[in-house]
N, C-alpha and C. Protein backbone atom coordinates (compact mmCIF):
# COMPACT_ATOMS: atom_id res chain seq x y z
N MET A 1 -12.14 217.05 107.52
CA MET A 1 -11.57 215.34 107.13
C MET A 1 -11.62 214.64 107.87
N THR A 2 -12.45 213.23 108.05
CA THR A 2 -12.50 212.45 109.13
C THR A 2 -12.12 210.88 108.59
N THR A 3 -11.18 210.68 109.70
CA THR A 3 -10.22 209.57 109.74
C THR A 3 -11.39 208.22 109.17
N ALA A 4 -10.74 207.50 108.38
CA ALA A 4 -11.77 205.86 108.32
C ALA A 4 -11.45 204.67 109.29
N GLN A 5 -12.32 205.05 109.95
CA GLN A 5 -12.20 203.22 110.87
C GLN A 5 -12.24 202.31 110.07
N LYS A 6 -10.77 201.44 110.85
CA LYS A 6 -10.63 199.86 110.59
C LYS A 6 -11.70 199.08 111.13
N THR A 7 -12.02 198.37 110.33
CA THR A 7 -13.60 197.38 110.73
C THR A 7 -13.23 195.73 110.63
N THR A 8 -13.96 195.26 111.37
CA THR A 8 -13.50 193.72 110.87
C THR A 8 -15.14 193.27 110.62
N GLN A 9 -15.31 191.80 110.46
CA GLN A 9 -16.27 191.59 110.62
C GLN A 9 -16.53 190.32 111.38
N VAL A 10 -17.63 189.92 112.12
CA VAL A 10 -17.87 189.32 113.22
C VAL A 10 -18.99 188.45 112.79
N ALA A 11 -18.70 186.87 112.82
CA ALA A 11 -19.84 185.46 112.56
C ALA A 11 -20.33 184.87 113.23
N THR A 12 -20.76 184.21 113.11
CA THR A 12 -21.25 184.10 114.18
C THR A 12 -22.27 182.58 113.26
N ARG A 13 -22.83 181.72 113.94
CA ARG A 13 -24.40 180.85 113.57
C ARG A 13 -24.96 180.82 115.05
N VAL A 14 -26.37 181.09 114.40
CA VAL A 14 -27.51 180.60 115.53
C VAL A 14 -28.56 180.14 114.55
N PRO A 15 -29.28 179.12 114.90
CA PRO A 15 -30.47 178.70 114.61
C PRO A 15 -31.36 180.04 113.33
N VAL A 16 -31.94 179.24 111.61
CA VAL A 16 -32.13 180.64 111.35
C VAL A 16 -33.71 180.70 111.76
N GLU A 17 -34.20 179.98 112.20
CA GLU A 17 -35.64 180.67 113.02
C GLU A 17 -35.30 181.53 114.09
N ILE A 18 -33.96 181.44 114.71
CA ILE A 18 -34.04 182.59 115.84
C ILE A 18 -33.40 183.73 114.87
N ARG A 19 -33.04 183.38 114.02
CA ARG A 19 -32.21 184.47 113.03
C ARG A 19 -33.24 185.77 112.37
N GLU A 20 -34.12 184.84 112.37
CA GLU A 20 -35.78 185.25 110.97
C GLU A 20 -36.43 186.33 112.60
N GLN A 21 -36.50 185.33 113.65
CA GLN A 21 -37.19 186.37 114.39
C GLN A 21 -36.56 187.47 115.00
N ALA A 22 -35.28 187.62 115.38
CA ALA A 22 -34.35 187.98 115.66
C ALA A 22 -34.68 189.42 114.84
N THR A 23 -34.69 189.21 113.32
CA THR A 23 -34.15 190.11 112.12
C THR A 23 -35.79 190.56 112.49
N LEU A 24 -36.70 190.25 112.53
CA LEU A 24 -38.51 190.34 112.42
C LEU A 24 -38.58 191.93 113.81
N VAL A 25 -37.76 191.38 115.20
CA VAL A 25 -38.66 192.45 116.85
C VAL A 25 -37.35 193.71 115.80
N VAL A 26 -36.00 194.00 115.23
CA VAL A 26 -35.03 195.05 115.13
C VAL A 26 -35.55 196.10 114.40
N SER A 27 -36.54 195.04 113.19
CA SER A 27 -36.84 195.66 111.90
C SER A 27 -38.14 196.26 112.56
N GLU A 28 -38.67 196.46 113.73
CA GLU A 28 -39.60 197.66 114.30
C GLU A 28 -39.41 198.39 114.48
N TYR A 29 -37.94 198.34 115.13
CA TYR A 29 -37.26 199.36 115.53
C TYR A 29 -36.17 200.55 114.49
N GLY A 30 -36.59 199.76 112.99
CA GLY A 30 -35.89 200.41 112.26
C GLY A 30 -34.62 200.32 111.90
N LEU A 31 -34.28 198.65 112.61
CA LEU A 31 -32.50 198.67 112.17
C LEU A 31 -32.52 197.62 111.63
N GLY A 32 -31.13 196.82 111.49
CA GLY A 32 -31.34 195.48 110.45
C GLY A 32 -30.32 194.70 111.41
N LEU A 33 -30.57 193.53 111.52
CA LEU A 33 -29.60 192.57 112.47
C LEU A 33 -28.17 193.13 112.36
N SER A 34 -27.57 193.57 111.62
CA SER A 34 -26.11 194.11 111.91
C SER A 34 -26.17 195.21 112.69
N ASP A 35 -27.06 195.92 112.02
CA ASP A 35 -26.87 197.30 113.24
C ASP A 35 -27.18 196.63 114.65
N ALA A 36 -27.83 196.05 114.97
CA ALA A 36 -28.62 195.67 116.24
C ALA A 36 -27.43 195.19 117.14
N VAL A 37 -26.56 193.91 116.62
CA VAL A 37 -25.00 193.35 116.94
C VAL A 37 -24.32 194.42 116.98
N ARG A 38 -24.26 194.81 116.24
CA ARG A 38 -23.29 196.42 116.21
C ARG A 38 -23.10 197.13 117.38
N MET A 39 -24.81 197.30 117.80
CA MET A 39 -25.25 198.15 118.97
C MET A 39 -24.35 197.68 120.09
N PHE A 40 -24.52 196.48 119.88
CA PHE A 40 -24.25 195.62 121.67
C PHE A 40 -23.12 195.67 121.90
N VAL A 41 -22.60 194.89 120.02
CA VAL A 41 -20.71 194.60 121.24
C VAL A 41 -20.37 196.49 121.53
N THR A 42 -21.03 197.01 120.57
CA THR A 42 -20.40 198.91 120.94
C THR A 42 -20.51 198.74 122.39
N ARG A 43 -21.55 198.33 122.77
CA ARG A 43 -21.76 198.21 125.13
C ARG A 43 -21.14 197.76 125.28
N ILE A 44 -20.69 196.62 124.99
CA ILE A 44 -19.98 195.65 125.54
C ILE A 44 -18.65 196.76 125.99
N ALA A 45 -18.07 197.15 124.74
CA ALA A 45 -16.50 197.72 124.58
C ALA A 45 -16.56 198.95 125.44
N LYS A 46 -17.61 199.48 125.63
CA LYS A 46 -18.08 200.69 126.29
C LYS A 46 -18.22 200.72 127.95
N GLU A 47 -19.21 199.73 128.14
CA GLU A 47 -19.03 199.03 129.68
C GLU A 47 -18.49 198.51 130.37
N LYS A 48 -17.43 197.73 129.57
CA LYS A 48 -16.53 196.79 129.73
C LYS A 48 -17.69 195.56 130.35
N ARG A 49 -18.26 195.11 130.36
CA ARG A 49 -19.33 194.09 130.90
C ARG A 49 -20.44 193.50 129.94
N ILE A 50 -21.12 192.52 130.29
CA ILE A 50 -22.20 192.18 129.23
C ILE A 50 -23.21 193.02 129.53
N PRO A 51 -24.02 193.68 128.50
CA PRO A 51 -25.27 194.10 129.46
C PRO A 51 -26.40 193.56 129.37
N LEU A 52 -26.32 191.98 129.73
CA LEU A 52 -27.26 190.92 130.00
C LEU A 52 -26.95 190.79 131.44
N ASP A 53 -28.53 190.08 131.90
CA ASP A 53 -28.41 189.28 133.15
C ASP A 53 -27.98 187.96 133.20
N ILE A 54 -26.59 187.71 132.83
CA ILE A 54 -26.69 186.11 132.46
C ILE A 54 -25.97 185.26 134.13
N SER A 55 -26.78 185.53 134.68
CA SER A 55 -26.35 184.91 136.08
C SER A 55 -27.28 183.83 136.35
N THR A 56 -28.38 184.14 135.53
CA THR A 56 -29.39 182.79 135.33
C THR A 56 -29.50 182.12 134.11
N PRO A 57 -29.08 180.88 134.43
CA PRO A 57 -29.28 180.30 133.08
C PRO A 57 -29.85 180.37 132.15
N LEU A 58 -29.22 180.81 130.58
CA LEU A 58 -29.44 180.81 130.07
C LEU A 58 -31.07 180.94 129.38
N ALA A 59 -30.98 179.16 129.79
CA ALA A 59 -32.29 178.32 129.14
C ALA A 59 -33.98 178.85 129.76
N SER A 60 -33.36 179.72 130.72
CA SER A 60 -34.35 179.37 131.66
C SER A 60 -35.12 180.59 131.71
N ILE A 61 -34.05 182.27 131.16
CA ILE A 61 -34.28 183.40 130.59
C ILE A 61 -35.39 183.65 130.03
N SER A 62 -35.83 183.12 129.08
CA SER A 62 -37.07 182.84 128.67
C SER A 62 -37.87 181.90 128.69
N SER A 63 -39.52 181.56 127.68
CA SER A 63 -39.76 180.57 127.77
C SER A 63 -39.07 180.02 126.46
N PHE A 64 -38.68 180.72 125.62
CA PHE A 64 -38.32 179.91 124.75
C PHE A 64 -37.85 178.25 124.58
N ASP A 65 -37.20 177.30 125.44
CA ASP A 65 -36.79 176.29 124.98
C ASP A 65 -38.05 175.63 125.29
N GLN A 66 -39.89 176.24 125.65
CA GLN A 66 -40.23 175.64 126.31
C GLN A 66 -41.67 175.49 125.51
N ASN A 67 -40.72 176.19 124.35
CA ASN A 67 -42.17 175.80 122.97
C ASN A 67 -40.97 175.84 121.80
N HIS A 68 -39.84 175.10 122.16
CA HIS A 68 -38.96 175.11 120.96
C HIS A 68 -37.29 173.95 121.41
N PRO A 69 -38.56 173.08 122.64
CA PRO A 69 -37.77 171.63 122.72
C PRO A 69 -36.65 171.43 121.89
N GLU A 70 -37.00 171.82 120.27
CA GLU A 70 -35.22 171.06 119.73
C GLU A 70 -34.70 171.70 119.24
N TYR A 71 -34.29 172.63 120.31
CA TYR A 71 -33.36 174.32 119.79
C TYR A 71 -32.61 173.34 121.72
N GLN A 72 -33.48 172.44 122.81
CA GLN A 72 -33.12 172.86 124.03
C GLN A 72 -31.61 172.67 124.18
N ASP A 73 -30.65 171.48 123.12
CA ASP A 73 -29.19 170.96 123.71
C ASP A 73 -28.28 171.89 122.80
N TYR A 74 -28.69 172.67 122.00
CA TYR A 74 -28.41 174.21 121.32
C TYR A 74 -27.75 175.00 122.76
N ILE A 75 -29.36 175.43 123.23
CA ILE A 75 -29.18 176.33 124.46
C ILE A 75 -28.41 176.00 125.21
N ASN A 76 -28.61 174.73 126.21
CA ASN A 76 -27.68 174.35 127.02
C ASN A 76 -26.18 175.02 126.55
N GLU A 77 -25.93 174.19 125.16
CA GLU A 77 -24.30 174.27 125.10
C GLU A 77 -23.76 176.05 124.91
N ILE A 78 -24.61 176.94 124.49
CA ILE A 78 -25.09 178.10 124.71
C ILE A 78 -24.13 178.42 126.57
N ALA A 79 -25.27 178.40 127.31
CA ALA A 79 -24.66 178.16 128.50
C ALA A 79 -23.50 177.90 128.98
N GLU A 80 -23.79 175.83 128.96
CA GLU A 80 -22.13 176.06 129.51
C GLU A 80 -20.97 176.96 129.05
N GLY A 81 -21.01 177.24 127.72
CA GLY A 81 -19.84 178.32 127.20
C GLY A 81 -19.72 179.87 128.30
N TYR A 82 -20.72 180.24 128.33
CA TYR A 82 -21.10 181.18 129.11
C TYR A 82 -20.46 181.16 130.41
N LEU A 83 -20.52 180.05 131.20
CA LEU A 83 -20.26 179.48 132.20
C LEU A 83 -19.01 179.03 132.52
N TYR A 84 -18.59 178.29 131.48
CA TYR A 84 -17.02 177.82 131.68
C TYR A 84 -16.09 178.83 131.09
N GLU A 85 -16.27 179.58 130.81
CA GLU A 85 -15.67 180.64 129.30
C GLU A 85 -14.28 180.76 130.32
């Protein structure tokens, strides 16, 4: 007999376009977006670190900001949140 694990819901807001693009990427691996987020959060908990290189400002990690200047303020807010939390 297995013991049921307690779970909680994690919610976040991202631009619709980003969610749609991420959904397409993870679906290529046979995953849903919730599965991918659950994997990411589980890895953070197990490794006791964020499994990303965030020493570089987030806005320069990819060319996303160059291709989508309308999200630049949003990206800058996220980068500031990581740097000053």
